Protein backbone atom coordinates (compact mmCIF):
# COMPACT_ATOMS: atom_id res chain seq x y z
CA UNK A 1 12.01 -17.08 -10.55
CA UNK A 2 11.19 -20.48 -10.74
CA UNK A 3 10.28 -22.46 -7.17
CA UNK A 4 10.35 -25.63 -7.98
CA UNK A 5 9.41 -27.10 -4.68
CA UNK A 6 5.61 -28.81 -4.66
CA UNK A 7 4.74 -30.29 -7.56
CA UNK A 8 2.72 -29.27 -10.63
CA UNK A 9 0.15 -27.84 -8.78
CA UNK A 10 2.33 -25.52 -6.36
CA UNK A 11 3.13 -24.51 -9.57
CA UNK A 12 -0.16 -23.30 -10.77
CA UNK A 13 -0.51 -21.68 -7.17
CA UNK A 14 2.55 -19.77 -7.92
CA UNK A 15 1.37 -18.41 -11.41
CA UNK A 16 -1.99 -17.29 -9.89
CA UNK A 17 -0.28 -15.52 -7.27
CA UNK A 18 2.12 -13.68 -9.31
CA UNK A 19 -0.90 -13.04 -12.23
CA UNK A 20 -2.79 -11.72 -8.83
CA UNK A 21 0.18 -9.39 -7.67
CA UNK A 22 0.97 -8.15 -11.08
CA UNK A 23 -2.69 -7.00 -11.84
CA UNK A 24 -3.63 -5.28 -8.66
CA UNK A 25 -0.24 -2.75 -8.14
CA UNK A 26 -0.17 -2.42 -11.67
CA UNK A 27 -3.90 -0.54 -11.67
CA UNK A 28 -2.81 0.96 -8.49
CA UNK A 29 0.12 2.69 -9.99
CA UNK A 30 -1.80 3.51 -13.08
CA UNK A 31 -4.46 5.66 -11.98
CA UNK A 32 -1.74 8.65 -10.39
CA UNK A 33 -0.46 8.61 -13.98
CA UNK A 34 -4.21 9.13 -15.42
CA UNK A 35 -4.70 11.49 -12.34
CA UNK A 36 -5.02 14.55 -14.02
CA UNK A 37 -6.50 13.72 -16.83
CA UNK A 38 -9.55 12.25 -15.22
CA UNK A 39 -9.90 15.22 -12.87
CA UNK A 40 -10.37 17.46 -15.95
CA UNK A 41 -12.83 15.40 -17.98
CA UNK A 42 -14.95 14.51 -15.23
CA UNK A 43 -14.50 18.13 -13.45
CA UNK A 44 -13.70 16.37 -9.95
CA UNK A 45 -13.38 18.84 -7.15
CA UNK A 46 -10.33 18.55 -5.07
CA UNK A 47 -12.05 16.53 -2.51
CA UNK A 48 -13.69 14.15 -5.31
CA UNK A 49 -9.89 13.96 -6.49
CA UNK A 50 -8.70 13.14 -3.12
CA UNK A 51 -11.51 9.89 -2.46
CA UNK A 52 -10.30 8.72 -5.98
CA UNK A 53 -6.93 8.31 -5.28
CA UNK A 54 -7.13 7.54 -1.36
CA UNK A 55 -10.17 5.61 -1.74
CA UNK A 56 -8.55 2.43 -2.85
CA UNK A 57 -6.12 2.11 0.07
CA UNK A 58 -8.80 2.56 2.64
CA UNK A 59 -10.55 -0.60 1.30
CA UNK A 60 -7.79 -2.16 0.61
CA UNK A 61 -6.72 -1.95 3.95
CA UNK A 62 -9.93 -2.59 6.04
CA UNK A 63 -10.48 -5.80 3.98
CA UNK A 64 -7.29 -7.09 5.17
CA UNK A 65 -8.23 -8.67 8.20
CA UNK A 66 -11.44 -10.22 8.07
CA UNK A 67 -10.43 -11.51 4.47
CA UNK A 68 -7.11 -13.35 5.83
CA UNK A 69 -9.53 -14.70 8.51
CA UNK A 70 -12.08 -15.82 5.80
CA UNK A 71 -9.50 -17.71 4.27
CA UNK A 72 -7.95 -19.49 7.30
CA UNK A 73 -11.61 -20.38 7.39
CA UNK A 74 -12.74 -21.28 4.18
CA UNK A 75 -9.68 -21.86 2.27
CA UNK A 76 -8.13 -19.10 0.34
CA UNK A 77 -9.55 -20.57 -3.67
CA UNK A 78 -12.95 -18.94 -3.18
CA UNK A 79 -12.45 -15.93 -1.26
CA UNK A 80 -9.08 -14.93 -3.85
CA UNK A 81 -11.92 -15.48 -6.70
CA UNK A 82 -13.99 -13.39 -5.23
CA UNK A 83 -11.85 -10.40 -4.49
CA UNK A 84 -10.63 -10.50 -8.34
CA UNK A 85 -14.08 -10.66 -9.41
CA UNK A 86 -14.82 -7.41 -7.09
CA UNK A 87 -11.46 -5.67 -8.51
CA UNK A 88 -12.67 -6.27 -12.03
CA UNK A 89 -15.86 -5.00 -11.63
CA UNK A 90 -14.87 -1.60 -10.01
CA UNK A 91 -12.36 -1.66 -13.17
CA UNK A 92 -15.22 -1.65 -15.45
CA UNK A 93 -17.45 0.38 -13.27
CA UNK A 94 -14.94 3.37 -12.92
CA UNK A 95 -14.01 2.64 -16.68
CA UNK A 96 -17.71 3.62 -17.73
CA UNK A 97 -18.09 6.05 -14.59
CA UNK A 98 -20.68 9.35 -15.50
CA UNK A 99 -19.24 11.15 -12.61
CA UNK A 100 -16.57 11.51 -10.53
CA UNK A 101 -18.68 10.23 -7.40
CA UNK A 102 -19.21 6.89 -9.39
CA UNK A 103 -15.64 6.92 -9.66
CA UNK A 104 -15.03 7.21 -6.11
CA UNK A 105 -17.15 4.67 -5.34
CA UNK A 106 -15.86 2.07 -8.09
CA UNK A 107 -12.04 2.51 -6.39
CA UNK A 108 -13.73 1.92 -3.44
CA UNK A 109 -15.23 -1.78 -4.73
CA UNK A 110 -11.75 -2.15 -6.75
CA UNK A 111 -9.72 -1.30 -3.11
CA UNK A 112 -12.28 -3.84 -1.16
CA UNK A 113 -11.41 -6.53 -3.79
CA UNK A 114 -7.89 -6.09 -3.98
CA UNK A 115 -7.76 -6.34 -0.30
CA UNK A 116 -9.66 -9.36 -0.63
CA UNK A 117 -7.45 -11.32 -2.83
CA UNK A 118 -4.03 -10.42 -0.85
CA UNK A 119 -4.39 -12.10 1.82
CA UNK A 120 -4.86 -15.16 0.10
CA UNK A 121 -1.70 -14.84 -1.85
CA UNK A 122 0.34 -14.70 0.99
CA UNK A 123 -1.56 -17.90 2.74
CA UNK A 124 -1.48 -19.48 -0.46
CA UNK A 125 2.35 -19.18 -0.90
CA UNK A 126 2.93 -20.02 2.86
CA UNK A 127 0.65 -23.08 2.38
CA UNK A 128 2.11 -24.73 -0.62
CA UNK A 129 5.82 -23.81 0.05
CA UNK A 130 7.82 -24.64 3.01
CA UNK A 131 11.65 -23.39 3.83
CA UNK A 132 14.40 -21.97 0.89
CA UNK A 133 11.28 -22.49 -1.50
CA UNK A 134 8.64 -20.80 0.54
CA UNK A 135 11.71 -17.62 0.98
CA UNK A 136 11.83 -17.89 -3.33
CA UNK A 137 8.45 -17.89 -4.08
CA UNK A 138 8.10 -15.28 -1.76
CA UNK A 139 10.56 -13.19 -3.37
CA UNK A 140 9.57 -13.76 -6.90
CA UNK A 141 6.27 -12.14 -5.49
CA UNK A 142 8.13 -9.22 -4.27
CA UNK A 143 9.88 -9.02 -7.94
CA UNK A 144 6.61 -9.13 -9.74
CA UNK A 145 5.22 -6.03 -7.78
CA UNK A 146 8.35 -4.42 -7.93
CA UNK A 147 8.30 -5.16 -11.91
CA UNK A 148 4.54 -3.92 -12.00
CA UNK A 149 5.25 -0.64 -10.55
CA UNK A 150 8.24 0.06 -13.20
CA UNK A 151 5.86 -0.71 -15.93
CA UNK A 152 2.95 0.95 -14.80
CA UNK A 153 3.64 4.60 -15.64
CA UNK A 154 4.60 3.85 -18.91
CA UNK A 155 1.81 1.66 -19.64
CA UNK A 156 -0.35 4.36 -18.01
CA UNK A 157 1.50 7.11 -20.38
CA UNK A 158 1.28 5.06 -23.13
CA UNK A 159 -2.63 4.45 -22.76
CA UNK A 160 -3.31 7.97 -22.45
CA UNK A 161 -1.06 9.10 -25.02
CA UNK A 162 -2.10 7.11 -27.71
CA UNK A 163 -6.11 7.85 -27.04
CA UNK A 164 -6.20 10.83 -25.44
CA UNK A 165 -7.08 12.51 -22.04
CA UNK A 166 -10.70 11.81 -22.62
CA UNK A 167 -10.59 8.06 -24.00
CA UNK A 168 -6.99 7.10 -22.22
CA UNK A 169 -8.39 7.63 -18.87
CA UNK A 170 -10.98 5.56 -18.91
CA UNK A 171 -9.22 2.96 -21.05
CA UNK A 172 -6.34 3.13 -18.67
CA UNK A 173 -8.51 2.17 -15.48
CA UNK A 174 -10.63 -0.04 -17.24
CA UNK A 175 -7.32 -2.31 -18.20
CA UNK A 176 -8.10 -3.81 -14.77
CA UNK A 177 -10.99 -5.91 -15.92
CA UNK A 178 -10.02 -7.68 -18.57
CA UNK A 179 -6.64 -8.83 -16.71
CA UNK A 180 -8.51 -9.46 -13.10
CA UNK A 181 -11.30 -11.53 -14.81
CA UNK A 182 -8.51 -13.50 -16.85
CA UNK A 183 -6.80 -13.89 -13.10
CA UNK A 184 -10.05 -15.39 -11.89
CA UNK A 185 -10.71 -17.53 -14.44
CA UNK A 186 -7.28 -19.45 -14.16
CA UNK A 187 -7.61 -19.17 -10.41
CA UNK A 188 -11.06 -21.02 -10.42
CA UNK A 189 -9.45 -23.49 -12.83
CA UNK A 190 -6.13 -24.39 -10.33
CA UNK A 191 -7.67 -23.79 -6.80
CA UNK A 192 -10.25 -25.81 -5.00
CA UNK A 193 -12.66 -23.13 -3.34
CA UNK A 194 -11.13 -24.58 -0.07
CA UNK A 195 -7.51 -25.10 -1.37
CA UNK A 196 -5.35 -24.64 1.76
CA UNK A 197 -2.10 -26.07 -0.02
CA UNK A 198 -0.04 -29.27 1.15
CA UNK A 199 2.20 -27.52 4.00
CA UNK A 200 -1.31 -27.24 5.80
CA UNK A 201 -1.49 -30.47 7.15
CA UNK A 202 2.74 -30.71 7.51
CA UNK A 203 3.13 -27.96 9.49
CA UNK A 204 0.08 -25.89 10.83
CA UNK A 205 -1.13 -22.91 9.66
CA UNK A 206 0.63 -20.52 11.87
CA UNK A 207 2.74 -19.09 8.88
CA UNK A 208 -0.48 -18.04 6.93
CA UNK A 209 -3.09 -17.49 9.19
CA UNK A 210 -3.83 -14.18 10.24
CA UNK A 211 -5.96 -15.87 13.85
CA UNK A 212 -2.20 -14.73 15.37
CA UNK A 213 -0.60 -18.21 14.33
CA UNK A 214 -2.69 -20.42 16.61
CA UNK A 215 -2.78 -23.51 14.36
CA UNK A 216 -5.17 -24.80 11.75
CA UNK A 217 -8.59 -24.70 10.46
CA UNK A 218 -9.66 -27.44 13.04
CA UNK A 219 -9.51 -25.05 15.81
CA UNK A 220 -10.99 -21.86 13.43
CA UNK A 221 -14.32 -22.87 15.07
CA UNK A 222 -13.28 -22.19 18.58
CA UNK A 223 -10.34 -19.55 18.46
CA UNK A 224 -10.51 -16.79 16.32
CA UNK A 225 -13.78 -17.59 15.27
CA UNK A 226 -16.08 -14.96 13.65
CA UNK A 227 -14.74 -11.49 12.82
CA UNK A 228 -13.85 -8.37 15.65
CA UNK A 229 -16.63 -6.41 13.72
CA UNK A 230 -16.70 -3.90 16.52
CA UNK A 231 -12.74 -3.54 16.26
CA UNK A 232 -13.12 -2.92 12.52
CA UNK A 233 -15.69 -0.15 12.65
CA UNK A 234 -13.33 1.20 15.35
CA UNK A 235 -10.49 1.28 13.20
CA UNK A 236 -12.64 2.46 10.18
CA UNK A 237 -13.72 5.42 12.43
CA UNK A 238 -10.39 6.34 13.31
CA UNK A 239 -9.09 6.59 10.14
CA UNK A 240 -12.13 8.98 9.09
CA UNK A 241 -11.34 11.07 12.24
CA UNK A 242 -7.98 11.52 10.57
CA UNK A 243 -9.02 11.83 6.83
CA UNK A 244 -11.78 13.89 7.22
CA UNK A 245 -10.62 17.26 8.06
CA UNK A 246 -8.60 16.94 4.62
CA UNK A 247 -11.66 16.25 2.35
CA UNK A 248 -14.32 17.69 3.92
CA UNK A 249 -15.82 20.70 2.03
CA UNK A 250 -18.01 21.94 5.40
CA UNK A 251 -16.72 24.80 7.51
CA UNK A 252 -13.64 24.49 9.52
CA UNK A 253 -15.08 25.29 12.90
CA UNK A 254 -17.53 22.28 12.47
CA UNK A 255 -15.23 19.73 10.95
CA UNK A 256 -11.87 19.68 13.14
CA UNK A 257 -14.18 19.50 16.36
CA UNK A 258 -15.99 16.94 15.07
CA UNK A 259 -12.98 15.40 13.78
CA UNK A 260 -11.30 15.07 16.53
CA UNK A 261 -14.16 14.05 18.98
CA UNK A 262 -14.66 10.57 16.25
CA UNK A 263 -10.81 10.11 16.72
CA UNK A 264 -10.38 10.21 20.46
CA UNK A 265 -13.70 8.08 20.92
CA UNK A 266 -12.34 5.92 18.51
CA UNK A 267 -9.02 5.31 20.26
CA UNK A 268 -10.51 5.21 23.56
CA UNK A 269 -12.78 2.44 22.42
CA UNK A 270 -9.99 0.41 20.58
CA UNK A 271 -8.21 0.48 24.19
CA UNK A 272 -11.32 -0.82 25.97
CA UNK A 273 -12.89 -3.17 23.46
CA UNK A 274 -9.80 -5.07 22.43
CA UNK A 275 -8.20 -6.43 25.15
CA UNK A 276 -11.72 -7.59 26.05
CA UNK A 277 -12.37 -9.08 22.88
CA UNK A 278 -9.09 -11.13 23.07
CA UNK A 279 -9.61 -12.39 26.53
CA UNK A 280 -12.65 -13.90 25.23
CA UNK A 281 -10.27 -16.21 22.97
CA UNK A 282 -10.56 -14.62 19.99
CA UNK A 283 -8.64 -12.95 17.45
CA UNK A 284 -8.91 -9.14 17.47
CA UNK A 285 -8.02 -6.51 14.57
CA UNK A 286 -5.19 -5.16 16.67
CA UNK A 287 -3.86 -8.07 19.19
CA UNK A 288 -2.88 -6.11 22.20
CA UNK A 289 0.13 -8.36 23.00
CA UNK A 290 2.18 -6.60 19.31
CA UNK A 291 1.73 -3.12 21.21
CA UNK A 292 3.95 -4.82 24.23
CA UNK A 293 6.51 -5.23 21.45
CA UNK A 294 8.69 -2.18 21.14
CA UNK A 295 10.32 -3.25 18.27
CA UNK A 296 7.36 -4.30 16.47
CA UNK A 297 5.08 -1.20 17.44
CA UNK A 298 8.56 0.85 16.24
CA UNK A 299 8.54 -0.75 12.73
CA UNK A 300 5.30 -0.30 12.55
CA UNK A 301 5.94 3.48 12.42
CA UNK A 302 9.01 3.15 10.07
CA UNK A 303 7.02 1.42 7.23
CA UNK A 304 3.53 3.65 8.05
CA UNK A 305 5.47 6.84 7.79
CA UNK A 306 7.41 5.79 4.68
CA UNK A 307 4.99 3.73 2.63
CA UNK A 308 2.17 6.81 3.39
CA UNK A 309 4.59 9.40 2.65
CA UNK A 310 5.59 7.24 -0.71
CA UNK A 311 1.91 7.06 -2.20
CA UNK A 312 1.03 10.30 -1.11
CA UNK A 313 4.06 12.04 -3.26
CA UNK A 314 3.97 9.54 -5.64
CA UNK A 315 0.18 11.00 -6.41
CA UNK A 316 1.41 14.93 -6.15
CA UNK A 317 4.48 14.21 -8.39
CA UNK A 318 1.97 13.14 -11.25
CA UNK A 319 0.17 16.16 -11.07
CA UNK A 320 2.92 18.22 -10.79
CA UNK A 321 4.73 17.05 -14.02
CA UNK A 322 1.53 17.03 -16.13
CA UNK A 323 -0.28 20.02 -15.02
CA UNK A 324 2.69 21.89 -14.06
CA UNK A 325 5.68 20.88 -16.04
CA UNK A 326 3.31 20.62 -18.96
CA UNK A 327 4.74 16.84 -19.63
CA UNK A 328 2.81 14.14 -21.69
CA UNK A 329 1.87 11.29 -19.58
CA UNK A 330 4.40 9.19 -21.37
CA UNK A 331 6.54 11.82 -20.61
CA UNK A 332 5.88 12.03 -16.96
CA UNK A 333 6.13 8.44 -16.70
CA UNK A 334 9.97 8.48 -18.23
CA UNK A 335 10.30 10.74 -15.41
CA UNK A 336 9.66 8.31 -12.54
CA UNK A 337 10.54 5.28 -14.24
CA UNK A 338 14.53 5.45 -13.50
CA UNK A 339 13.21 5.73 -9.47
CA UNK A 340 11.49 2.66 -9.96
CA UNK A 341 13.96 0.61 -11.56
CA UNK A 342 16.72 2.06 -8.47
CA UNK A 343 14.33 0.69 -5.92
CA UNK A 344 13.65 -2.94 -7.83
CA UNK A 345 17.69 -2.91 -7.85
CA UNK A 346 18.47 -1.63 -4.23
CA UNK A 347 15.54 -3.91 -3.05
CA UNK A 348 17.28 -7.17 -4.69
CA UNK A 349 20.33 -6.04 -3.15
CA UNK A 350 19.32 -4.82 0.57
CA UNK A 351 19.81 -8.27 2.07
CA UNK A 352 23.56 -7.69 1.74
CA UNK A 353 22.70 -4.38 3.73
CA UNK A 354 20.40 -6.39 6.03
CA UNK A 355 23.02 -9.38 6.99
CA UNK A 356 25.84 -6.61 7.47
CA UNK A 357 24.16 -3.48 9.28
CA UNK A 358 20.62 -4.70 10.45
CA UNK A 359 18.50 -1.95 11.98
CA UNK A 360 21.18 0.15 11.38
CA UNK A 361 21.25 -0.37 7.71
CA UNK A 362 17.65 0.78 7.69
CA UNK A 363 17.80 3.95 9.83
CA UNK A 364 21.02 5.23 7.27
CA UNK A 365 18.35 4.60 4.51
CA UNK A 366 15.27 6.29 5.98
CA UNK A 367 17.90 9.21 7.35
CA UNK A 368 18.80 9.60 3.47
CA UNK A 369 15.06 9.33 2.30
CA UNK A 370 14.86 12.47 4.53
CA UNK A 371 17.56 14.66 3.22
CA UNK A 372 17.04 13.83 -0.20
CA UNK A 373 13.12 15.38 0.51
CA UNK A 374 14.72 18.19 2.03
CA UNK A 375 17.23 18.51 -1.41
CA UNK A 376 13.78 18.21 -3.51
CA UNK A 377 12.00 21.06 -1.54
CA UNK A 378 14.99 23.24 -1.92
CA UNK A 379 15.68 22.04 -5.68
CA UNK A 380 12.20 22.78 -6.90
CA UNK A 381 12.14 26.01 -5.23
CA UNK A 382 15.28 27.58 -6.57
CA UNK A 383 16.12 25.76 -9.65
CA UNK A 384 16.10 27.24 -13.03
CA UNK A 385 12.69 26.00 -15.08
CA UNK A 386 14.99 23.96 -17.35
CA UNK A 387 16.50 22.04 -14.64
CA UNK A 388 13.86 21.19 -12.27
CA UNK A 389 12.63 18.19 -13.98
CA UNK A 390 16.09 16.91 -14.15
CA UNK A 391 16.30 17.32 -10.49
CA UNK A 392 13.72 15.36 -9.79
CA UNK A 393 14.84 12.57 -12.04
CA UNK A 394 17.79 12.59 -9.82
CA UNK A 395 15.75 12.68 -6.38
CA UNK A 396 13.37 9.92 -7.84
CA UNK A 397 16.37 7.34 -8.26
CA UNK A 398 18.07 8.49 -4.80
CA UNK A 399 14.95 7.96 -3.39
CA UNK A 400 13.99 4.74 -5.06
CA UNK A 401 17.72 3.44 -3.94
CA UNK A 402 16.83 4.11 -0.10
CA UNK A 403 13.47 2.71 -0.68
CA UNK A 404 14.85 -0.33 -1.59
CA UNK A 405 17.12 -0.94 1.40
CA UNK A 406 14.34 0.47 3.75
CA UNK A 407 11.00 -1.79 2.73
CA UNK A 408 12.52 -5.59 3.14
CA UNK A 409 14.94 -5.21 5.83
CA UNK A 410 12.46 -3.32 8.09
CA UNK A 411 9.54 -5.63 7.48
CA UNK A 412 11.68 -8.79 8.44
CA UNK A 413 12.88 -7.10 11.47
CA UNK A 414 9.21 -5.43 12.49
CA UNK A 415 7.77 -9.34 12.03
CA UNK A 416 10.48 -10.59 14.06
CA UNK A 417 9.70 -8.37 16.93
CA UNK A 418 6.35 -9.73 17.28
CA UNK A 419 5.73 -12.71 19.85
CA UNK A 420 6.01 -15.95 18.13
CA UNK A 421 2.42 -17.21 18.38
CA UNK A 422 1.30 -13.37 16.97
CA UNK A 423 3.06 -13.62 13.62
CA UNK A 424 0.76 -14.46 11.45
CA UNK A 425 -1.53 -11.48 12.19
CA UNK A 426 1.30 -9.16 12.69
CA UNK A 427 2.07 -8.95 8.90
CA UNK A 428 -1.43 -8.29 8.44
CA UNK A 429 -1.81 -5.51 10.73
CA UNK A 430 1.35 -4.04 9.59
CA UNK A 431 -0.35 -4.17 6.21
CA UNK A 432 -3.07 -2.45 8.07
CA UNK A 433 -1.07 0.22 9.00
CA UNK A 434 0.46 0.93 6.10
CA UNK A 435 -3.01 1.17 4.20
CA UNK A 436 -3.93 3.85 6.50
CA UNK A 437 -1.14 5.74 6.31
CA UNK A 438 -1.42 5.43 2.84
CA UNK A 439 -5.00 7.02 3.15
CA UNK A 440 -4.42 9.78 4.76
CA UNK A 441 -1.15 10.86 3.26
CA UNK A 442 -2.52 10.95 -0.19
CA UNK A 443 -5.45 12.76 0.87
CA UNK A 444 -3.32 15.55 2.68
CA UNK A 445 -0.79 15.68 -0.06
CA UNK A 446 -2.93 16.21 -3.23
CA UNK A 447 -5.60 18.06 -0.59
CA UNK A 448 -2.29 20.46 -0.02
CA UNK A 449 -0.88 20.23 -3.97
CA UNK A 450 -3.98 21.60 -5.06
CA UNK A 451 -5.08 24.29 -2.72
CA UNK A 452 -1.55 25.98 -3.47
CA UNK A 453 -2.40 25.52 -7.54
CA UNK A 454 -5.91 26.14 -7.99
CA UNK A 455 -6.61 28.62 -10.52
CA UNK A 456 -2.86 27.97 -12.50
CA UNK A 457 -2.72 27.74 -15.79
CA UNK A 458 -1.69 24.25 -16.89
CA UNK A 459 1.94 24.29 -18.03
CA UNK A 460 3.45 26.92 -16.06
CA UNK A 461 5.77 25.18 -13.57
CA UNK A 462 6.59 27.84 -11.66
CA UNK A 463 3.32 28.85 -10.78
CA UNK A 464 3.03 24.99 -9.03
CA UNK A 465 6.59 25.07 -7.45
CA UNK A 466 5.23 26.02 -3.79
CA UNK A 467 3.01 23.16 -4.00
CA UNK A 468 5.45 20.79 -4.71
CA UNK A 469 7.60 22.24 -2.12
CA UNK A 470 4.91 22.07 0.73
CA UNK A 471 4.55 18.66 -0.44
CA UNK A 472 8.27 17.63 -0.42
CA UNK A 473 8.84 19.10 3.09
CA UNK A 474 6.17 17.21 4.08
CA UNK A 475 7.58 14.03 3.10
CA UNK A 476 10.74 15.35 4.72
CA UNK A 477 9.41 15.64 7.65
CA UNK A 478 7.26 12.01 7.70
CA UNK A 479 10.80 10.56 7.02
CA UNK A 480 12.20 12.48 10.22
CA UNK A 481 9.51 10.62 12.09
CA UNK A 482 10.54 7.19 10.47
CA UNK A 483 13.85 7.90 11.20
CA UNK A 484 14.10 8.60 14.91
CA UNK A 485 11.50 5.78 15.08
CA UNK A 486 14.42 3.51 13.65
CA UNK A 487 17.17 5.01 15.57
CA UNK A 488 15.05 4.60 18.69
CA UNK A 489 14.80 0.66 17.70
CA UNK A 490 18.29 0.21 17.36
CA UNK A 491 19.16 1.82 20.39
CA UNK A 492 16.60 -0.12 22.14
CA UNK A 493 17.40 -3.32 20.92
CA UNK A 494 21.42 -2.74 21.62
CA UNK A 495 21.97 -3.68 25.01
CA UNK A 496 20.65 -6.91 23.95
CA UNK A 497 23.25 -7.74 21.94
CA UNK A 498 26.10 -6.76 24.02
């Protein structure tokens, strides 16, 4: 999509942003295709596989807010290049990993790199474009990400099928290294280290800032100066309190009470610390004002449960199709591709639904996802073996349509519910919540699937049915919670529209 406003420099920035989004999303989705091969080749335990798949989302989410504030204070170019560099190095380390623990560390590094680069991309697009041109630029970025999601299963599957499991998973994991370095070089040439874009002087930094929309860099030394390190540590502990019960190998009688204690203490710490930090005139990780907006909170619930369920199910589906149905990586990619295409098409049409139905359109779409998940569980559980894969293709298409009609409208409604002075940090907090949910859901769902299929012979679909039925049922439950949140927001907003 061409965006002509802003001149040659802005077009160069757009190309860098689109390339960054494409490379990071391509890599993230490719790994799910390679998961069965790398698990077998490295002899990864269930916990290690969970960390390999979920660790990326963990560090991605935790890097978002501090990286966004760093970009606000120092400019976007430097942090973007650093993020891409970390991402590429993590890819290279992962491709040459000698054991599963090294690959876990590499994925954590890659997630931190992608989480550092992502806020700079959004900030650059908002800095360099305004009005309709900004909407077109953000639309081009979304379309590029969707294209990467469509392409990634086929690219990953093609590499694995061509090179075999042993070399294929390494090539698939390492693909991001040359791509990331190439984009980093282009970014260094196209951007100055302190690049803030022409839009800053004219309209301030509210749109791009993650300091709560409080304005330009001139105030950076006063408002939001420094990072909310304590808040970030507490958010990390909350995430670990939710995550560890699903990935720890220790005795449950010890793991569960300790995890619950950490979770309760961290949540209590956030409740006490964040308002105090905000009263000092600083920008906390979780702005208390956002929690007073029902539309924002409920929209975050919809986004978190939908995003987490989608990523967790995608990881499990690839394990099922290859280990259970005995499909090749390319064939497994072909099963998921129609759903990805359907999601892209629906997303491009979602503005029509949004304009006509608003929040009700989101409620209906999320409810449809819950029904499709229930239907998937039933089909996988009772359908003849020969029909299971066909049923999954249909369910992927239906889920893709529902997701495409949900994501952008819900994001728009959620951010509109944030106070005007907090719109910038609201976007970062929304992404953080989504990534925390994805981390927990990926770990929980892969753990549940593997626990039910360990010991089953590869290629015996019936032996893997129970695992996918359990995960599909969990997806239905999560979608039902998201539906309830969307319905409640619709009900709360109704009196204001009369």
